[in-house]
Amino acid sequence: MSQRITMEPITAEVFAPFGDLMDCSGDPDKIINQGLCGRFHDRAVLDFDGGRAGISLFQAKLRELPYKLDMMERHPLGSQAFIPMSMEAFLVIVAQDTGNRPGEPSAFVTQPGQAINFHKNTWHGVLTPIAGSGLFAVVDRIGAGENLEEHWFDTAYEVVEN
């Protein structure tokens, strides 16, 4: 039998312990390009131990709800940003660290136009698009060293809509 997690809308406040929510809410920090572009400046804190920032493209398969969560991962050497390349929502699953393993997971759903940046060493689910193309730009650490830890749950969780 699985344990149930109900998705909730993501906000900057509820996501803050795990990372940065990036969007174009509010007024731009600066107007550029001859007044035709609003710049929403420095919306995520990239944090890398050694290495460098790299930009990769991920083509993820769409997932269905309810979603079976049986594994979480974290990156001890660097933050990781997921930036959808379509205006579609995606599922974000995170957990606090409890003795080098994920605690009780929380599930959030983004709004179209939102992106997220996981803080370094944050337990999170895999990239989980639930609509759209599944195409994401990902900004994360490129360099030597093991930057991936996985934890498999004895009992899976089932992520459901509210």
Protein backbone atom coordinates (compact mmCIF):
# COMPACT_ATOMS: atom_id res chain seq x y z
CA MET A 1 0.00 0.00 0.00
CA SER A 2 1.29 3.44 -0.87
CA GLN A 3 1.23 6.59 1.20
CA ARG A 4 -0.70 9.53 -0.25
CA ILE A 5 0.60 13.05 -0.90
CA THR A 6 -1.74 15.79 -2.12
CA MET A 7 -0.29 18.37 -4.51
CA GLU A 8 -0.63 22.01 -3.60
CA PRO A 9 0.09 25.14 -5.63
CA ILE A 10 3.68 26.28 -5.35
CA THR A 11 4.49 29.69 -3.86
CA ALA A 12 7.82 31.36 -3.21
CA GLU A 13 7.17 31.19 0.54
CA VAL A 14 6.38 27.46 0.81
CA PHE A 15 9.20 26.54 -1.59
CA ALA A 16 11.85 28.79 0.05
CA PRO A 17 13.33 26.06 2.33
CA PHE A 18 14.08 23.97 -0.78
CA GLY A 19 15.00 26.54 -3.42
CA ASP A 20 13.94 29.48 -5.52
CA LEU A 21 10.68 29.94 -7.42
CA MET A 22 11.34 31.92 -10.57
CA ASP A 23 8.67 33.80 -12.47
CA CYS A 24 7.83 37.23 -13.84
CA SER A 25 5.45 38.31 -11.12
CA GLY A 26 5.39 41.93 -10.06
CA ASP A 27 7.12 44.75 -11.86
CA PRO A 28 10.39 44.11 -13.72
CA ASP A 29 13.57 45.14 -11.96
CA LYS A 30 14.68 47.00 -15.04
CA ILE A 31 13.35 47.92 -18.48
CA ILE A 32 15.87 47.15 -21.25
CA ASN A 33 16.10 46.78 -25.04
CA GLN A 34 14.79 50.23 -25.93
CA GLY A 35 11.92 49.89 -23.47
CA LEU A 36 10.57 46.69 -25.00
CA CYS A 37 11.76 44.12 -22.44
CA GLY A 38 11.32 43.78 -18.70
CA ARG A 39 14.27 42.19 -16.92
CA PHE A 40 13.39 40.18 -13.81
CA HIS A 41 16.91 40.13 -12.44
CA ASP A 42 18.83 37.43 -10.55
CA ARG A 43 15.86 35.21 -9.62
CA ALA A 44 17.86 32.16 -8.43
CA VAL A 45 20.97 31.55 -6.35
CA LEU A 46 23.29 29.19 -8.20
CA ASP A 47 25.63 27.44 -5.76
CA PHE A 48 28.42 25.11 -6.90
CA ASP A 49 31.33 23.44 -5.11
CA GLY A 50 34.04 23.52 -7.76
CA GLY A 51 33.05 22.86 -11.33
CA ARG A 52 31.10 25.36 -13.36
CA ALA A 53 27.54 26.21 -14.34
CA GLY A 54 26.31 24.31 -17.37
CA ILE A 55 23.10 24.56 -19.39
CA SER A 56 21.63 21.28 -20.64
CA LEU A 57 18.38 20.41 -22.37
CA PHE A 58 16.24 17.61 -20.91
CA GLN A 59 13.48 15.93 -22.92
CA ALA A 60 11.33 14.27 -20.24
CA LYS A 61 8.36 12.01 -20.86
CA LEU A 62 5.04 13.31 -19.56
CA ARG A 63 3.84 11.66 -16.35
CA GLU A 64 0.28 10.88 -15.34
CA LEU A 65 -1.51 11.52 -12.08
CA PRO A 66 -1.71 9.89 -9.68
CA TYR A 67 2.08 9.75 -9.76
CA LYS A 68 4.05 6.97 -8.07
CA LEU A 69 6.99 8.38 -6.09
CA ASP A 70 9.42 5.62 -5.20
CA MET A 71 12.74 7.48 -5.37
CA MET A 72 14.18 10.89 -4.54
CA GLU A 73 17.60 12.35 -5.30
CA ARG A 74 19.84 15.21 -4.27
CA HIS A 75 22.94 16.92 -5.57
CA PRO A 76 25.46 17.61 -2.78
CA LEU A 77 27.83 19.68 -4.92
CA GLY A 78 25.48 22.08 -6.65
CA SER A 79 22.09 23.66 -7.13
CA GLN A 80 19.88 22.61 -10.03
CA ALA A 81 17.40 24.78 -11.94
CA PHE A 82 14.54 23.44 -14.09
CA ILE A 83 13.22 25.91 -16.66
CA PRO A 84 10.32 24.64 -18.79
CA MET A 85 10.52 25.57 -22.46
CA SER A 86 6.74 25.62 -22.79
CA MET A 87 4.05 27.43 -20.84
CA GLU A 88 2.90 24.32 -18.96
CA ALA A 89 2.73 23.28 -15.33
CA PHE A 90 4.98 20.60 -13.87
CA LEU A 91 5.11 18.62 -10.64
CA VAL A 92 7.77 19.48 -8.03
CA ILE A 93 8.42 17.08 -5.13
CA VAL A 94 10.77 17.96 -2.26
CA ALA A 95 11.65 16.77 1.24
CA GLN A 96 13.71 17.97 4.16
CA ASP A 97 16.80 15.91 5.02
CA THR A 98 16.31 13.64 8.03
CA GLY A 99 19.53 11.82 8.84
CA ASN A 100 20.87 11.62 5.28
CA ARG A 101 17.57 10.50 3.82
CA PRO A 102 14.46 12.36 2.70
CA GLY A 103 11.79 13.10 5.29
CA GLU A 104 8.09 13.31 4.47
CA PRO A 105 7.79 14.54 0.85
CA SER A 106 5.73 17.55 -0.20
CA ALA A 107 4.33 17.93 -3.72
CA PHE A 108 3.73 21.21 -5.52
CA VAL A 109 2.43 22.10 -8.94
CA THR A 110 3.78 25.11 -10.79
CA GLN A 111 1.82 27.60 -12.83
CA PRO A 112 2.60 28.17 -16.51
CA GLY A 113 5.64 30.45 -16.78
CA GLN A 114 7.23 29.38 -13.48
CA ALA A 115 10.61 27.70 -13.09
CA ILE A 116 12.40 26.39 -10.01
CA ASN A 117 15.94 26.15 -8.67
CA PHE A 118 16.68 23.50 -6.05
CA HIS A 119 19.21 24.52 -3.42
CA LYS A 120 22.35 22.42 -3.21
CA ASN A 121 21.76 19.14 -1.28
CA THR A 122 17.92 19.35 -1.44
CA TRP A 123 16.06 16.04 -1.71
CA HIS A 124 13.76 16.20 -4.72
CA GLY A 125 11.81 14.01 -7.10
CA VAL A 126 12.87 13.55 -10.70
CA LEU A 127 11.80 15.95 -13.43
CA THR A 128 8.03 15.38 -13.68
CA PRO A 129 6.21 17.22 -16.47
CA ILE A 130 2.45 16.61 -16.37
CA ALA A 131 1.56 18.61 -19.50
CA GLY A 132 3.21 20.13 -22.55
CA SER A 133 6.31 19.03 -24.41
CA GLY A 134 8.50 17.87 -21.50
CA LEU A 135 11.34 20.04 -22.81
CA PHE A 136 13.34 21.85 -20.11
CA ALA A 137 16.53 23.88 -19.90
CA VAL A 138 18.48 22.75 -16.85
CA VAL A 139 21.22 24.79 -15.20
CA ASP A 140 23.42 22.74 -12.89
CA ARG A 141 26.97 21.93 -11.88
CA ILE A 142 29.34 20.44 -14.43
CA GLY A 143 32.57 19.07 -12.98
CA ALA A 144 34.45 16.30 -11.26
CA GLY A 145 33.08 14.53 -8.19
CA GLU A 146 29.96 12.56 -7.39
CA ASN A 147 27.03 14.97 -7.46
CA LEU A 148 24.11 12.55 -7.25
CA GLU A 149 22.65 10.62 -4.32
CA GLU A 150 19.49 8.55 -4.65
CA HIS A 151 17.14 7.22 -1.99
CA TRP A 152 14.60 4.47 -2.80
CA PHE A 153 11.57 4.23 -0.51
CA ASP A 154 10.53 0.88 0.94
CA THR A 155 6.93 1.96 0.43
CA ALA A 156 6.09 4.22 -2.51
CA TYR A 157 4.08 7.41 -2.22
CA GLU A 158 1.13 8.26 -4.44
CA VAL A 159 0.94 11.92 -5.47
CA VAL A 160 -2.64 13.02 -6.19
CA GLU A 161 -4.42 16.22 -7.19
CA ASN A 162 -6.11 18.30 -4.52
